[in-house]
Amino acid sequence: MMAARASPRPLCRAGRLVWKHHSCYHDAMTRTTISIPEDLLKRLRLLAAERGVSMAELIRESLKEVVGRRRPRPRSLGIGASGHVDTARRTGAQRPEPRAWR
């Protein structure tokens, strides 16, 4: 993924104006706080250390995986509802006799 060019932001230092490039990485990320049980936090720290990544990176990776598995419900689902709650049961009882194929 290519990062967009960072935009310079003014920084005042000792009475003079200095231009500093602001990282686009921070513009694309949002900081949040989560509450997790202590045992899960310990396991998270161990796994992050084993993989050589930060806990934040491991959490982002896990969230991407979980969110990626989610399949949105089809918008057409339920569009042809008959309003009867026992349609499947009634249909099963009215099954026609099979025809001979020859």
N, C-alpha and C. Protein backbone atom coordinates (compact mmCIF):
# COMPACT_ATOMS: atom_id res chain seq x y z
N MET A 1 0.84 -1.16 0.00
CA MET A 1 0.00 0.00 0.00
C MET A 1 0.89 1.23 0.00
N MET A 2 0.66 2.13 -0.93
CA MET A 2 1.45 3.35 -1.00
C MET A 2 0.84 4.39 -0.08
N ALA A 3 1.69 5.03 0.69
CA ALA A 3 1.21 6.09 1.56
C ALA A 3 1.14 7.39 0.78
N ALA A 4 0.15 8.17 1.09
CA ALA A 4 0.03 9.48 0.45
C ALA A 4 1.14 10.37 0.97
N ARG A 5 1.49 11.35 0.19
CA ARG A 5 2.56 12.25 0.58
C ARG A 5 2.16 13.03 1.82
N ALA A 6 3.08 13.10 2.76
CA ALA A 6 2.79 13.79 4.02
C ALA A 6 2.72 15.29 3.78
N SER A 7 1.80 15.93 4.46
CA SER A 7 1.67 17.37 4.32
C SER A 7 2.48 18.06 5.41
N PRO A 8 3.21 19.11 5.06
CA PRO A 8 4.01 19.79 6.08
C PRO A 8 3.11 20.56 7.04
N ARG A 9 3.48 20.53 8.30
CA ARG A 9 2.74 21.28 9.32
C ARG A 9 3.72 22.18 10.06
N PRO A 10 3.32 23.40 10.34
CA PRO A 10 4.23 24.30 11.02
C PRO A 10 4.46 23.89 12.47
N LEU A 11 5.68 24.08 12.93
CA LEU A 11 6.05 23.78 14.30
C LEU A 11 6.84 24.97 14.83
N CYS A 12 6.43 25.52 15.93
CA CYS A 12 7.10 26.69 16.49
C CYS A 12 8.16 26.23 17.47
N ARG A 13 9.41 26.61 17.24
CA ARG A 13 10.49 26.21 18.11
C ARG A 13 11.37 27.42 18.40
N ALA A 14 11.49 27.76 19.63
CA ALA A 14 12.36 28.86 20.08
C ALA A 14 12.14 30.14 19.27
N GLY A 15 10.87 30.48 19.06
CA GLY A 15 10.56 31.73 18.38
C GLY A 15 10.66 31.70 16.88
N ARG A 16 10.99 30.56 16.28
CA ARG A 16 11.05 30.49 14.82
C ARG A 16 10.11 29.40 14.32
N LEU A 17 9.68 29.57 13.12
CA LEU A 17 8.73 28.64 12.52
C LEU A 17 9.50 27.57 11.74
N VAL A 18 9.25 26.32 12.05
CA VAL A 18 9.92 25.20 11.39
C VAL A 18 8.83 24.33 10.77
N TRP A 19 9.04 23.89 9.52
CA TRP A 19 8.07 23.00 8.87
C TRP A 19 8.43 21.56 9.19
N LYS A 20 7.44 20.82 9.62
CA LYS A 20 7.64 19.42 9.97
C LYS A 20 6.64 18.59 9.15
N HIS A 21 7.10 17.52 8.57
CA HIS A 21 6.20 16.65 7.81
C HIS A 21 5.43 15.78 8.79
N HIS A 22 4.11 15.80 8.62
CA HIS A 22 3.22 15.03 9.48
C HIS A 22 2.94 13.69 8.79
N SER A 23 3.13 12.62 9.48
CA SER A 23 2.95 11.30 8.90
C SER A 23 1.48 11.01 8.61
N CYS A 24 1.21 10.49 7.41
CA CYS A 24 -0.15 10.11 7.03
C CYS A 24 -0.59 8.85 7.77
N TYR A 25 0.37 8.10 8.29
CA TYR A 25 0.05 6.89 9.05
C TYR A 25 -0.86 7.25 10.22
N HIS A 26 -0.52 8.30 10.92
CA HIS A 26 -1.30 8.69 12.09
C HIS A 26 -2.66 9.26 11.70
N ASP A 27 -2.77 9.84 10.51
CA ASP A 27 -4.05 10.36 10.05
C ASP A 27 -5.02 9.22 9.74
N ALA A 28 -4.50 8.06 9.35
CA ALA A 28 -5.35 6.94 8.96
C ALA A 28 -5.71 6.03 10.13
N MET A 29 -5.06 6.19 11.26
CA MET A 29 -5.30 5.35 12.43
C MET A 29 -6.11 6.11 13.47
N THR A 30 -6.92 5.38 14.20
CA THR A 30 -7.68 5.94 15.31
C THR A 30 -7.32 5.15 16.56
N ARG A 31 -7.05 5.85 17.61
CA ARG A 31 -6.70 5.21 18.87
C ARG A 31 -7.98 4.88 19.62
N THR A 32 -7.99 3.69 20.25
CA THR A 32 -9.16 3.28 21.03
C THR A 32 -8.69 2.54 22.27
N THR A 33 -9.57 2.36 23.21
CA THR A 33 -9.27 1.65 24.45
C THR A 33 -10.20 0.46 24.54
N ILE A 34 -9.63 -0.69 24.91
CA ILE A 34 -10.45 -1.89 25.09
C ILE A 34 -10.22 -2.43 26.50
N SER A 35 -11.20 -3.14 27.00
CA SER A 35 -11.09 -3.79 28.31
C SER A 35 -11.05 -5.29 28.05
N ILE A 36 -9.97 -5.93 28.50
CA ILE A 36 -9.85 -7.38 28.32
C ILE A 36 -9.41 -8.01 29.64
N PRO A 37 -9.77 -9.26 29.87
CA PRO A 37 -9.35 -9.95 31.09
C PRO A 37 -7.83 -10.07 31.16
N GLU A 38 -7.31 -10.12 32.37
CA GLU A 38 -5.86 -10.17 32.59
C GLU A 38 -5.22 -11.38 31.92
N ASP A 39 -5.87 -12.55 31.98
CA ASP A 39 -5.29 -13.75 31.37
C ASP A 39 -5.19 -13.61 29.85
N LEU A 40 -6.17 -12.97 29.23
CA LEU A 40 -6.13 -12.75 27.79
C LEU A 40 -5.02 -11.76 27.43
N LEU A 41 -4.83 -10.75 28.26
CA LEU A 41 -3.76 -9.78 28.04
C LEU A 41 -2.39 -10.46 28.11
N LYS A 42 -2.21 -11.37 29.06
CA LYS A 42 -0.94 -12.10 29.17
C LYS A 42 -0.69 -12.94 27.92
N ARG A 43 -1.75 -13.62 27.44
CA ARG A 43 -1.60 -14.44 26.24
C ARG A 43 -1.30 -13.58 25.02
N LEU A 44 -1.92 -12.39 24.97
CA LEU A 44 -1.68 -11.45 23.88
C LEU A 44 -0.22 -11.00 23.88
N ARG A 45 0.30 -10.65 25.05
CA ARG A 45 1.71 -10.23 25.16
C ARG A 45 2.66 -11.33 24.71
N LEU A 46 2.38 -12.57 25.16
CA LEU A 46 3.24 -13.69 24.79
C LEU A 46 3.23 -13.94 23.28
N LEU A 47 2.05 -13.94 22.69
CA LEU A 47 1.93 -14.19 21.25
C LEU A 47 2.60 -13.08 20.45
N ALA A 48 2.42 -11.84 20.88
CA ALA A 48 3.06 -10.72 20.18
C ALA A 48 4.58 -10.85 20.26
N ALA A 49 5.09 -11.23 21.43
CA ALA A 49 6.54 -11.41 21.59
C ALA A 49 7.05 -12.56 20.72
N GLU A 50 6.30 -13.66 20.67
CA GLU A 50 6.69 -14.80 19.84
C GLU A 50 6.77 -14.42 18.37
N ARG A 51 5.82 -13.63 17.91
CA ARG A 51 5.79 -13.21 16.50
C ARG A 51 6.70 -12.03 16.21
N GLY A 52 7.15 -11.36 17.26
CA GLY A 52 8.01 -10.19 17.05
C GLY A 52 7.26 -8.97 16.55
N VAL A 53 5.99 -8.84 16.95
CA VAL A 53 5.18 -7.69 16.55
C VAL A 53 4.61 -7.03 17.80
N SER A 54 4.09 -5.84 17.63
CA SER A 54 3.48 -5.15 18.76
C SER A 54 2.10 -5.75 19.06
N MET A 55 1.63 -5.52 20.26
CA MET A 55 0.29 -5.99 20.61
C MET A 55 -0.75 -5.31 19.72
N ALA A 56 -0.54 -4.04 19.43
CA ALA A 56 -1.47 -3.30 18.57
C ALA A 56 -1.55 -3.93 17.18
N GLU A 57 -0.41 -4.33 16.63
CA GLU A 57 -0.39 -4.96 15.31
C GLU A 57 -1.12 -6.30 15.34
N LEU A 58 -0.91 -7.06 16.40
CA LEU A 58 -1.57 -8.35 16.54
C LEU A 58 -3.09 -8.18 16.67
N ILE A 59 -3.52 -7.17 17.40
CA ILE A 59 -4.95 -6.89 17.55
C ILE A 59 -5.54 -6.46 16.21
N ARG A 60 -4.84 -5.58 15.47
CA ARG A 60 -5.34 -5.15 14.15
C ARG A 60 -5.47 -6.34 13.21
N GLU A 61 -4.46 -7.21 13.21
CA GLU A 61 -4.47 -8.40 12.35
C GLU A 61 -5.66 -9.30 12.69
N SER A 62 -5.91 -9.50 13.98
CA SER A 62 -7.02 -10.34 14.42
C SER A 62 -8.37 -9.73 14.05
N LEU A 63 -8.50 -8.43 14.23
CA LEU A 63 -9.75 -7.75 13.88
C LEU A 63 -10.02 -7.83 12.38
N LYS A 64 -8.99 -7.66 11.56
CA LYS A 64 -9.16 -7.77 10.10
C LYS A 64 -9.66 -9.15 9.72
N GLU A 65 -9.11 -10.18 10.38
CA GLU A 65 -9.51 -11.55 10.09
C GLU A 65 -10.98 -11.78 10.46
N VAL A 66 -11.38 -11.34 11.64
CA VAL A 66 -12.75 -11.54 12.09
C VAL A 66 -13.73 -10.76 11.23
N VAL A 67 -13.43 -9.51 10.96
CA VAL A 67 -14.32 -8.67 10.16
C VAL A 67 -14.38 -9.18 8.72
N GLY A 68 -13.27 -9.70 8.21
CA GLY A 68 -13.24 -10.23 6.85
C GLY A 68 -14.09 -11.47 6.67
N ARG A 69 -14.28 -12.23 7.74
CA ARG A 69 -15.09 -13.44 7.66
C ARG A 69 -16.58 -13.14 7.64
N ARG A 70 -16.97 -11.98 8.09
CA ARG A 70 -18.39 -11.63 8.19
C ARG A 70 -18.99 -11.46 6.80
N ARG A 71 -20.07 -12.15 6.58
CA ARG A 71 -20.79 -12.04 5.31
C ARG A 71 -22.05 -11.23 5.55
N PRO A 72 -22.23 -10.15 4.83
CA PRO A 72 -23.45 -9.37 5.01
C PRO A 72 -24.69 -10.17 4.59
N ARG A 73 -25.76 -9.98 5.30
CA ARG A 73 -27.01 -10.66 4.98
C ARG A 73 -27.54 -10.13 3.66
N PRO A 74 -27.94 -11.02 2.74
CA PRO A 74 -28.47 -10.55 1.46
C PRO A 74 -29.67 -9.64 1.67
N ARG A 75 -29.71 -8.55 0.93
CA ARG A 75 -30.80 -7.59 1.07
C ARG A 75 -32.13 -8.19 0.64
N SER A 76 -32.07 -9.21 -0.23
CA SER A 76 -33.31 -9.80 -0.73
C SER A 76 -33.89 -10.84 0.23
N LEU A 77 -33.16 -11.20 1.26
CA LEU A 77 -33.63 -12.20 2.21
C LEU A 77 -34.91 -11.73 2.89
N GLY A 78 -35.95 -12.49 2.79
CA GLY A 78 -37.22 -12.15 3.43
C GLY A 78 -38.11 -11.26 2.59
N ILE A 79 -37.67 -10.92 1.38
CA ILE A 79 -38.45 -10.01 0.55
C ILE A 79 -39.75 -10.66 0.09
N GLY A 80 -39.75 -11.99 -0.02
CA GLY A 80 -40.95 -12.68 -0.49
C GLY A 80 -41.69 -13.37 0.64
N ALA A 81 -41.60 -12.85 1.84
CA ALA A 81 -42.26 -13.48 2.98
C ALA A 81 -43.77 -13.53 2.78
N SER A 82 -44.36 -14.69 3.09
CA SER A 82 -45.80 -14.86 2.90
C SER A 82 -46.60 -14.35 4.08
N GLY A 83 -45.95 -14.22 5.21
CA GLY A 83 -46.66 -13.80 6.41
C GLY A 83 -47.15 -14.98 7.23
N HIS A 84 -47.06 -16.19 6.67
CA HIS A 84 -47.46 -17.40 7.40
C HIS A 84 -46.24 -17.98 8.11
N VAL A 85 -46.40 -18.35 9.37
CA VAL A 85 -45.27 -18.89 10.11
C VAL A 85 -45.08 -20.39 9.90
N ASP A 86 -46.06 -21.08 9.34
CA ASP A 86 -45.98 -22.53 9.18
C ASP A 86 -45.91 -22.96 7.71
N THR A 87 -45.40 -22.12 6.84
CA THR A 87 -45.37 -22.40 5.40
C THR A 87 -44.61 -23.68 5.09
N ALA A 88 -43.44 -23.87 5.68
CA ALA A 88 -42.63 -25.06 5.40
C ALA A 88 -43.36 -26.32 5.83
N ARG A 89 -44.00 -26.30 6.98
CA ARG A 89 -44.71 -27.47 7.48
C ARG A 89 -45.90 -27.80 6.57
N ARG A 90 -46.65 -26.79 6.15
CA ARG A 90 -47.81 -27.02 5.28
C ARG A 90 -47.36 -27.53 3.92
N THR A 91 -46.28 -27.02 3.39
CA THR A 91 -45.80 -27.43 2.08
C THR A 91 -45.35 -28.88 2.11
N GLY A 92 -44.69 -29.29 3.19
CA GLY A 92 -44.23 -30.67 3.32
C GLY A 92 -45.38 -31.66 3.31
N ALA A 93 -46.50 -31.29 3.86
CA ALA A 93 -47.67 -32.18 3.91
C ALA A 93 -48.37 -32.26 2.56
N GLN A 94 -48.17 -31.32 1.69
CA GLN A 94 -48.86 -31.27 0.40
C GLN A 94 -47.96 -31.69 -0.75
N ARG A 95 -46.99 -32.51 -0.48
CA ARG A 95 -46.04 -32.92 -1.50
C ARG A 95 -46.73 -33.78 -2.56
N PRO A 96 -46.56 -33.47 -3.85
CA PRO A 96 -47.21 -34.25 -4.92
C PRO A 96 -46.51 -35.60 -5.12
N GLU A 97 -47.24 -36.52 -5.70
CA GLU A 97 -46.67 -37.83 -6.02
C GLU A 97 -45.66 -37.68 -7.15
N PRO A 98 -44.52 -38.35 -7.06
CA PRO A 98 -43.54 -38.24 -8.15
C PRO A 98 -44.06 -38.89 -9.42
N ARG A 99 -43.72 -38.29 -10.57
CA ARG A 99 -44.13 -38.84 -11.86
C ARG A 99 -43.07 -39.82 -12.36
N ALA A 100 -43.52 -40.78 -13.14
CA ALA A 100 -42.58 -41.71 -13.75
C ALA A 100 -41.79 -40.96 -14.81
N TRP A 101 -40.51 -41.17 -14.89
CA TRP A 101 -39.68 -40.43 -15.84
C TRP A 101 -39.64 -41.09 -17.19
N ARG A 102 -40.21 -42.26 -17.36
CA ARG A 102 -40.25 -42.92 -18.67
C ARG A 102 -41.62 -43.03 -19.18
